[in-house]
Amino acid sequence: MRLPVIKKVDCVQFYVSNLEQGIKLYRDVLGQKMSWRTDDSAGFLMPDSDAEIVIQTSRKEQETDLLVDSVDSSVKYLMDAGFTVVVSAFDIQVGRCAVLEDPWGNRMVLLDLSKGKLATDMTGRVVGTVEL
């Protein structure tokens, strides 16, 4: 495995109980530009970073998603280094994802973009992926 394993913060996710109210808060009050949305989530740009703020209605936990080159090879490497798999690697729209914990119980959500980035229509609705 080529080091470093973690390339960058991909996004920070926050739970909202109502997506439309969340969009109004993050877009209209905080001034974040919405870059995409689905029925249960929306992504917002931060002007000084390529990381996103994602609001979602599915999971009440806050999470930070870390980008790696390959989830599968990173999981194997990190398990050998003492990490524990909390959620085994699974497919997501843009690639693969897994959840691990370091030896001190710090949870890491790893993802890769092996299927590409989100593709949107003119209204920002996600319509698929675009290969990188």
N, C-alpha and C. Protein backbone atom coordinates (compact mmCIF):
# COMPACT_ATOMS: atom_id res chain seq x y z
N MET A 1 0.86 -1.19 0.00
CA MET A 1 0.00 0.00 0.00
C MET A 1 0.89 1.23 0.00
N ARG A 2 0.55 2.16 -0.84
CA ARG A 2 1.26 3.44 -0.93
C ARG A 2 0.76 4.35 0.18
N LEU A 3 1.67 4.98 0.87
CA LEU A 3 1.30 5.90 1.94
C LEU A 3 1.35 7.32 1.44
N PRO A 4 0.60 8.26 1.90
CA PRO A 4 -0.41 8.15 2.95
C PRO A 4 -1.69 7.50 2.45
N VAL A 5 -2.38 6.86 3.36
CA VAL A 5 -3.62 6.17 3.03
C VAL A 5 -4.75 7.16 2.77
N ILE A 6 -4.92 8.14 3.66
CA ILE A 6 -6.02 9.10 3.56
C ILE A 6 -5.59 10.28 2.69
N LYS A 7 -6.34 10.53 1.61
CA LYS A 7 -6.01 11.60 0.67
C LYS A 7 -6.54 12.96 1.12
N LYS A 8 -7.77 12.98 1.63
CA LYS A 8 -8.37 14.26 2.03
C LYS A 8 -9.71 14.00 2.70
N VAL A 9 -10.24 15.05 3.33
CA VAL A 9 -11.61 15.01 3.82
C VAL A 9 -12.51 15.20 2.61
N ASP A 10 -13.40 14.25 2.38
CA ASP A 10 -14.33 14.36 1.26
C ASP A 10 -15.54 15.20 1.65
N CYS A 11 -16.11 14.90 2.82
CA CYS A 11 -17.26 15.67 3.27
C CYS A 11 -17.48 15.49 4.77
N VAL A 12 -18.22 16.42 5.31
CA VAL A 12 -18.73 16.32 6.67
C VAL A 12 -20.24 16.21 6.53
N GLN A 13 -20.82 15.19 7.17
CA GLN A 13 -22.27 14.97 7.06
C GLN A 13 -22.95 15.32 8.36
N PHE A 14 -24.10 16.01 8.22
CA PHE A 14 -24.93 16.37 9.36
C PHE A 14 -26.34 15.85 9.13
N TYR A 15 -26.96 15.38 10.20
CA TYR A 15 -28.35 14.93 10.15
C TYR A 15 -29.28 16.13 10.23
N VAL A 16 -30.33 16.12 9.42
CA VAL A 16 -31.44 17.08 9.54
C VAL A 16 -32.72 16.27 9.49
N SER A 17 -33.72 16.67 10.26
CA SER A 17 -34.98 15.91 10.27
C SER A 17 -35.87 16.27 9.08
N ASN A 18 -35.63 17.42 8.47
CA ASN A 18 -36.42 17.88 7.33
C ASN A 18 -35.47 18.45 6.29
N LEU A 19 -35.37 17.80 5.14
CA LEU A 19 -34.40 18.20 4.13
C LEU A 19 -34.66 19.61 3.61
N GLU A 20 -35.91 19.95 3.33
CA GLU A 20 -36.21 21.29 2.79
C GLU A 20 -35.83 22.38 3.79
N GLN A 21 -36.11 22.17 5.07
CA GLN A 21 -35.72 23.15 6.08
C GLN A 21 -34.20 23.22 6.21
N GLY A 22 -33.55 22.06 6.09
CA GLY A 22 -32.09 22.03 6.14
C GLY A 22 -31.47 22.78 4.97
N ILE A 23 -32.02 22.59 3.78
CA ILE A 23 -31.53 23.30 2.60
C ILE A 23 -31.68 24.80 2.80
N LYS A 24 -32.83 25.23 3.29
CA LYS A 24 -33.03 26.67 3.53
C LYS A 24 -32.01 27.22 4.52
N LEU A 25 -31.73 26.46 5.60
CA LEU A 25 -30.76 26.93 6.59
C LEU A 25 -29.36 27.02 5.98
N TYR A 26 -28.89 25.93 5.38
CA TYR A 26 -27.51 25.91 4.89
C TYR A 26 -27.31 26.81 3.66
N ARG A 27 -28.31 26.89 2.80
CA ARG A 27 -28.19 27.73 1.60
C ARG A 27 -28.52 29.18 1.90
N ASP A 28 -29.68 29.44 2.49
CA ASP A 28 -30.18 30.81 2.63
C ASP A 28 -29.63 31.55 3.84
N VAL A 29 -29.39 30.84 4.95
CA VAL A 29 -28.89 31.49 6.15
C VAL A 29 -27.36 31.46 6.20
N LEU A 30 -26.77 30.27 5.97
CA LEU A 30 -25.31 30.15 6.01
C LEU A 30 -24.64 30.58 4.72
N GLY A 31 -25.40 30.64 3.62
CA GLY A 31 -24.85 31.11 2.36
C GLY A 31 -24.05 30.09 1.58
N GLN A 32 -24.20 28.81 1.89
CA GLN A 32 -23.47 27.76 1.17
C GLN A 32 -24.18 27.49 -0.15
N LYS A 33 -23.42 27.30 -1.22
CA LYS A 33 -23.99 27.00 -2.53
C LYS A 33 -24.27 25.51 -2.63
N MET A 34 -25.53 25.16 -2.91
CA MET A 34 -25.90 23.76 -3.05
C MET A 34 -25.36 23.24 -4.38
N SER A 35 -24.64 22.11 -4.33
CA SER A 35 -24.07 21.55 -5.55
C SER A 35 -24.84 20.35 -6.07
N TRP A 36 -25.58 19.65 -5.21
CA TRP A 36 -26.37 18.50 -5.63
C TRP A 36 -27.40 18.18 -4.57
N ARG A 37 -28.41 17.37 -4.97
CA ARG A 37 -29.39 16.90 -4.01
C ARG A 37 -30.04 15.62 -4.51
N THR A 38 -30.51 14.83 -3.55
CA THR A 38 -31.32 13.64 -3.81
C THR A 38 -32.58 13.78 -2.96
N ASP A 39 -33.37 12.73 -2.88
CA ASP A 39 -34.59 12.81 -2.07
C ASP A 39 -34.30 12.91 -0.58
N ASP A 40 -33.11 12.42 -0.14
CA ASP A 40 -32.83 12.41 1.29
C ASP A 40 -31.51 13.08 1.69
N SER A 41 -30.87 13.77 0.76
CA SER A 41 -29.61 14.44 1.09
C SER A 41 -29.32 15.58 0.11
N ALA A 42 -28.41 16.46 0.54
CA ALA A 42 -27.98 17.57 -0.32
C ALA A 42 -26.54 17.92 0.03
N GLY A 43 -25.78 18.30 -0.98
CA GLY A 43 -24.39 18.67 -0.79
C GLY A 43 -24.18 20.15 -1.03
N PHE A 44 -23.33 20.75 -0.21
CA PHE A 44 -23.04 22.19 -0.28
C PHE A 44 -21.55 22.41 -0.40
N LEU A 45 -21.17 23.38 -1.22
CA LEU A 45 -19.77 23.73 -1.41
C LEU A 45 -19.29 24.65 -0.30
N MET A 46 -18.00 24.56 -0.03
CA MET A 46 -17.33 25.51 0.86
C MET A 46 -16.32 26.24 0.00
N PRO A 47 -16.34 27.56 -0.04
CA PRO A 47 -15.55 28.30 -1.02
C PRO A 47 -14.03 28.12 -0.93
N ASP A 48 -13.50 27.78 0.22
CA ASP A 48 -12.05 27.63 0.35
C ASP A 48 -11.60 26.18 0.43
N SER A 49 -12.46 25.26 0.01
CA SER A 49 -12.15 23.83 0.10
C SER A 49 -12.92 23.08 -0.98
N ASP A 50 -12.40 21.91 -1.37
CA ASP A 50 -13.20 21.07 -2.26
C ASP A 50 -13.97 20.02 -1.47
N ALA A 51 -13.85 20.04 -0.14
CA ALA A 51 -14.70 19.19 0.71
C ALA A 51 -16.10 19.78 0.73
N GLU A 52 -17.08 18.94 0.99
CA GLU A 52 -18.47 19.38 1.00
C GLU A 52 -19.08 19.26 2.39
N ILE A 53 -20.13 20.01 2.61
CA ILE A 53 -21.03 19.79 3.73
C ILE A 53 -22.21 19.04 3.13
N VAL A 54 -22.56 17.90 3.72
CA VAL A 54 -23.70 17.12 3.26
C VAL A 54 -24.70 17.06 4.40
N ILE A 55 -25.94 17.41 4.10
CA ILE A 55 -27.01 17.21 5.07
C ILE A 55 -27.83 16.02 4.58
N GLN A 56 -28.32 15.22 5.54
CA GLN A 56 -29.05 14.02 5.17
C GLN A 56 -30.06 13.68 6.24
N THR A 57 -31.09 12.94 5.83
CA THR A 57 -32.18 12.60 6.74
C THR A 57 -32.17 11.13 7.15
N SER A 58 -31.15 10.37 6.77
CA SER A 58 -31.14 8.92 6.98
C SER A 58 -30.54 8.46 8.31
N ARG A 59 -29.45 9.09 8.74
CA ARG A 59 -28.73 8.64 9.93
C ARG A 59 -28.51 9.82 10.87
N LYS A 60 -28.81 9.64 12.14
CA LYS A 60 -28.73 10.75 13.10
C LYS A 60 -27.30 11.08 13.52
N GLU A 61 -26.34 10.29 13.12
CA GLU A 61 -24.96 10.55 13.50
C GLU A 61 -24.31 11.58 12.58
N GLN A 62 -23.42 12.39 13.15
CA GLN A 62 -22.54 13.22 12.33
C GLN A 62 -21.40 12.32 11.87
N GLU A 63 -20.93 12.51 10.66
CA GLU A 63 -19.78 11.73 10.21
C GLU A 63 -18.89 12.56 9.31
N THR A 64 -17.63 12.17 9.31
CA THR A 64 -16.64 12.76 8.41
C THR A 64 -16.19 11.66 7.47
N ASP A 65 -16.33 11.87 6.17
CA ASP A 65 -15.94 10.89 5.17
C ASP A 65 -14.55 11.23 4.66
N LEU A 66 -13.67 10.23 4.69
CA LEU A 66 -12.28 10.41 4.27
C LEU A 66 -12.05 9.69 2.94
N LEU A 67 -11.45 10.38 2.00
CA LEU A 67 -11.22 9.81 0.68
C LEU A 67 -9.91 9.02 0.65
N VAL A 68 -10.00 7.82 0.08
CA VAL A 68 -8.83 6.96 -0.13
C VAL A 68 -8.80 6.55 -1.60
N ASP A 69 -7.66 6.04 -2.06
CA ASP A 69 -7.58 5.58 -3.45
C ASP A 69 -8.47 4.36 -3.67
N SER A 70 -8.42 3.40 -2.75
CA SER A 70 -9.20 2.17 -2.87
C SER A 70 -9.65 1.74 -1.48
N VAL A 71 -10.96 1.66 -1.28
CA VAL A 71 -11.48 1.23 0.01
C VAL A 71 -11.02 -0.18 0.33
N ASP A 72 -11.13 -1.09 -0.64
CA ASP A 72 -10.80 -2.48 -0.36
C ASP A 72 -9.34 -2.67 0.06
N SER A 73 -8.41 -2.06 -0.64
CA SER A 73 -7.00 -2.22 -0.26
C SER A 73 -6.69 -1.45 1.03
N SER A 74 -7.35 -0.32 1.24
CA SER A 74 -7.13 0.44 2.48
C SER A 74 -7.64 -0.33 3.69
N VAL A 75 -8.80 -0.98 3.57
CA VAL A 75 -9.34 -1.78 4.68
C VAL A 75 -8.37 -2.89 5.04
N LYS A 76 -7.86 -3.61 4.05
CA LYS A 76 -6.91 -4.69 4.31
C LYS A 76 -5.67 -4.16 5.01
N TYR A 77 -5.12 -3.08 4.50
CA TYR A 77 -3.92 -2.48 5.08
C TYR A 77 -4.16 -2.03 6.53
N LEU A 78 -5.28 -1.36 6.77
CA LEU A 78 -5.57 -0.84 8.10
C LEU A 78 -5.91 -1.96 9.09
N MET A 79 -6.56 -3.02 8.64
CA MET A 79 -6.80 -4.17 9.52
C MET A 79 -5.47 -4.77 9.98
N ASP A 80 -4.52 -4.88 9.06
CA ASP A 80 -3.19 -5.39 9.40
C ASP A 80 -2.48 -4.48 10.40
N ALA A 81 -2.86 -3.19 10.41
CA ALA A 81 -2.25 -2.21 11.30
C ALA A 81 -2.99 -2.09 12.63
N GLY A 82 -4.05 -2.89 12.85
CA GLY A 82 -4.73 -2.88 14.13
C GLY A 82 -6.10 -2.23 14.14
N PHE A 83 -6.59 -1.77 13.00
CA PHE A 83 -7.94 -1.21 12.92
C PHE A 83 -8.97 -2.34 12.95
N THR A 84 -10.17 -2.01 13.38
CA THR A 84 -11.28 -2.96 13.42
C THR A 84 -12.34 -2.52 12.42
N VAL A 85 -12.88 -3.47 11.67
CA VAL A 85 -13.94 -3.16 10.72
C VAL A 85 -15.27 -3.09 11.48
N VAL A 86 -15.95 -1.95 11.37
CA VAL A 86 -17.27 -1.75 11.98
C VAL A 86 -18.34 -2.10 10.96
N VAL A 87 -18.16 -1.61 9.73
CA VAL A 87 -19.06 -1.93 8.62
C VAL A 87 -18.17 -2.32 7.44
N SER A 88 -18.33 -3.54 6.96
CA SER A 88 -17.53 -4.03 5.83
C SER A 88 -17.76 -3.19 4.59
N ALA A 89 -16.80 -3.23 3.69
CA ALA A 89 -16.88 -2.46 2.45
C ALA A 89 -18.16 -2.78 1.69
N PHE A 90 -18.80 -1.72 1.17
CA PHE A 90 -20.04 -1.88 0.42
C PHE A 90 -20.05 -0.85 -0.71
N ASP A 91 -20.87 -1.11 -1.71
CA ASP A 91 -20.98 -0.21 -2.86
C ASP A 91 -21.82 1.01 -2.51
N ILE A 92 -21.40 2.17 -3.00
CA ILE A 92 -22.17 3.40 -2.95
C ILE A 92 -22.23 3.95 -4.36
N GLN A 93 -23.00 4.98 -4.58
CA GLN A 93 -23.21 5.49 -5.93
C GLN A 93 -21.91 5.89 -6.62
N VAL A 94 -20.96 6.45 -5.86
CA VAL A 94 -19.73 6.94 -6.47
C VAL A 94 -18.57 5.96 -6.38
N GLY A 95 -18.72 4.87 -5.61
CA GLY A 95 -17.62 3.91 -5.48
C GLY A 95 -17.86 2.90 -4.38
N ARG A 96 -16.96 2.88 -3.38
CA ARG A 96 -17.05 1.94 -2.27
C ARG A 96 -16.89 2.71 -0.97
N CYS A 97 -17.40 2.13 0.12
CA CYS A 97 -17.35 2.75 1.44
C CYS A 97 -17.16 1.66 2.48
N ALA A 98 -16.51 2.00 3.60
CA ALA A 98 -16.37 1.11 4.75
C ALA A 98 -16.20 1.97 5.99
N VAL A 99 -16.51 1.39 7.15
CA VAL A 99 -16.35 2.10 8.41
C VAL A 99 -15.40 1.28 9.28
N LEU A 100 -14.35 1.93 9.78
CA LEU A 100 -13.37 1.28 10.63
C LEU A 100 -13.17 2.07 11.91
N GLU A 101 -12.57 1.42 12.91
CA GLU A 101 -12.17 2.10 14.14
C GLU A 101 -10.69 1.85 14.36
N ASP A 102 -9.99 2.90 14.80
CA ASP A 102 -8.59 2.73 15.16
C ASP A 102 -8.52 2.06 16.54
N PRO A 103 -7.32 1.72 17.02
CA PRO A 103 -7.22 1.02 18.31
C PRO A 103 -7.78 1.80 19.50
N TRP A 104 -8.04 3.09 19.38
CA TRP A 104 -8.58 3.90 20.46
C TRP A 104 -10.09 4.14 20.32
N GLY A 105 -10.71 3.52 19.32
CA GLY A 105 -12.16 3.64 19.16
C GLY A 105 -12.60 4.80 18.29
N ASN A 106 -11.66 5.49 17.63
CA ASN A 106 -12.03 6.57 16.73
C ASN A 106 -12.56 5.98 15.43
N ARG A 107 -13.77 6.36 15.07
CA ARG A 107 -14.42 5.83 13.88
C ARG A 107 -14.01 6.61 12.64
N MET A 108 -13.72 5.88 11.57
CA MET A 108 -13.37 6.48 10.28
C MET A 108 -14.28 5.92 9.20
N VAL A 109 -14.88 6.80 8.43
CA VAL A 109 -15.66 6.40 7.27
C VAL A 109 -14.76 6.64 6.05
N LEU A 110 -14.40 5.56 5.38
CA LEU A 110 -13.55 5.64 4.20
C LEU A 110 -14.40 5.47 2.96
N LEU A 111 -14.09 6.27 1.93
CA LEU A 111 -14.77 6.08 0.66
C LEU A 111 -13.80 6.32 -0.48
N ASP A 112 -14.11 5.70 -1.60
CA ASP A 112 -13.35 5.97 -2.82
C ASP A 112 -14.31 6.39 -3.91
N LEU A 113 -13.76 6.94 -4.97
CA LEU A 113 -14.56 7.42 -6.10
C LEU A 113 -14.33 6.52 -7.31
N SER A 114 -14.31 5.20 -7.08
CA SER A 114 -14.00 4.26 -8.14
C SER A 114 -15.07 4.20 -9.23
N LYS A 115 -16.28 4.72 -8.98
CA LYS A 115 -17.33 4.78 -10.00
C LYS A 115 -17.48 6.17 -10.58
N GLY A 116 -16.77 7.16 -10.04
CA GLY A 116 -16.83 8.52 -10.56
C GLY A 116 -17.46 9.49 -9.58
N LYS A 117 -17.74 10.68 -10.05
CA LYS A 117 -18.37 11.72 -9.23
C LYS A 117 -19.85 11.82 -9.61
N LEU A 118 -20.62 12.44 -8.72
CA LEU A 118 -22.05 12.60 -8.99
C LEU A 118 -22.27 13.49 -10.21
N ALA A 119 -23.20 13.10 -11.04
CA ALA A 119 -23.63 13.91 -12.18
C ALA A 119 -25.01 14.47 -11.85
N THR A 120 -25.22 15.74 -12.16
CA THR A 120 -26.49 16.39 -11.83
C THR A 120 -27.12 17.01 -13.07
N ASP A 121 -28.44 17.23 -12.98
CA ASP A 121 -29.11 17.97 -14.05
C ASP A 121 -29.01 19.47 -13.74
N MET A 122 -29.68 20.29 -14.52
CA MET A 122 -29.57 21.74 -14.35
C MET A 122 -30.14 22.25 -13.03
N THR A 123 -30.99 21.45 -12.37
CA THR A 123 -31.55 21.87 -11.09
C THR A 123 -30.73 21.37 -9.90
N GLY A 124 -29.66 20.61 -10.18
CA GLY A 124 -28.83 20.08 -9.11
C GLY A 124 -29.22 18.67 -8.66
N ARG A 125 -30.28 18.12 -9.24
CA ARG A 125 -30.70 16.76 -8.90
C ARG A 125 -29.68 15.77 -9.44
N VAL A 126 -29.33 14.78 -8.60
CA VAL A 126 -28.39 13.74 -9.01
C VAL A 126 -29.07 12.85 -10.03
N VAL A 127 -28.39 12.64 -11.17
CA VAL A 127 -28.93 11.81 -12.24
C VAL A 127 -28.04 10.62 -12.56
N GLY A 128 -26.93 10.49 -11.87
CA GLY A 128 -26.01 9.37 -12.10
C GLY A 128 -24.60 9.76 -11.68
N THR A 129 -23.62 9.12 -12.34
CA THR A 129 -22.22 9.42 -12.06
C THR A 129 -21.48 9.70 -13.36
N VAL A 130 -20.37 10.40 -13.22
CA VAL A 130 -19.48 10.69 -14.34
C VAL A 130 -18.13 10.09 -13.98
N GLU A 131 -17.59 9.26 -14.89
CA GLU A 131 -16.28 8.66 -14.62
C GLU A 131 -15.21 9.72 -14.49
N LEU A 132 -14.26 9.44 -13.61
CA LEU A 132 -13.13 10.36 -13.42
C LEU A 132 -12.06 10.13 -14.45
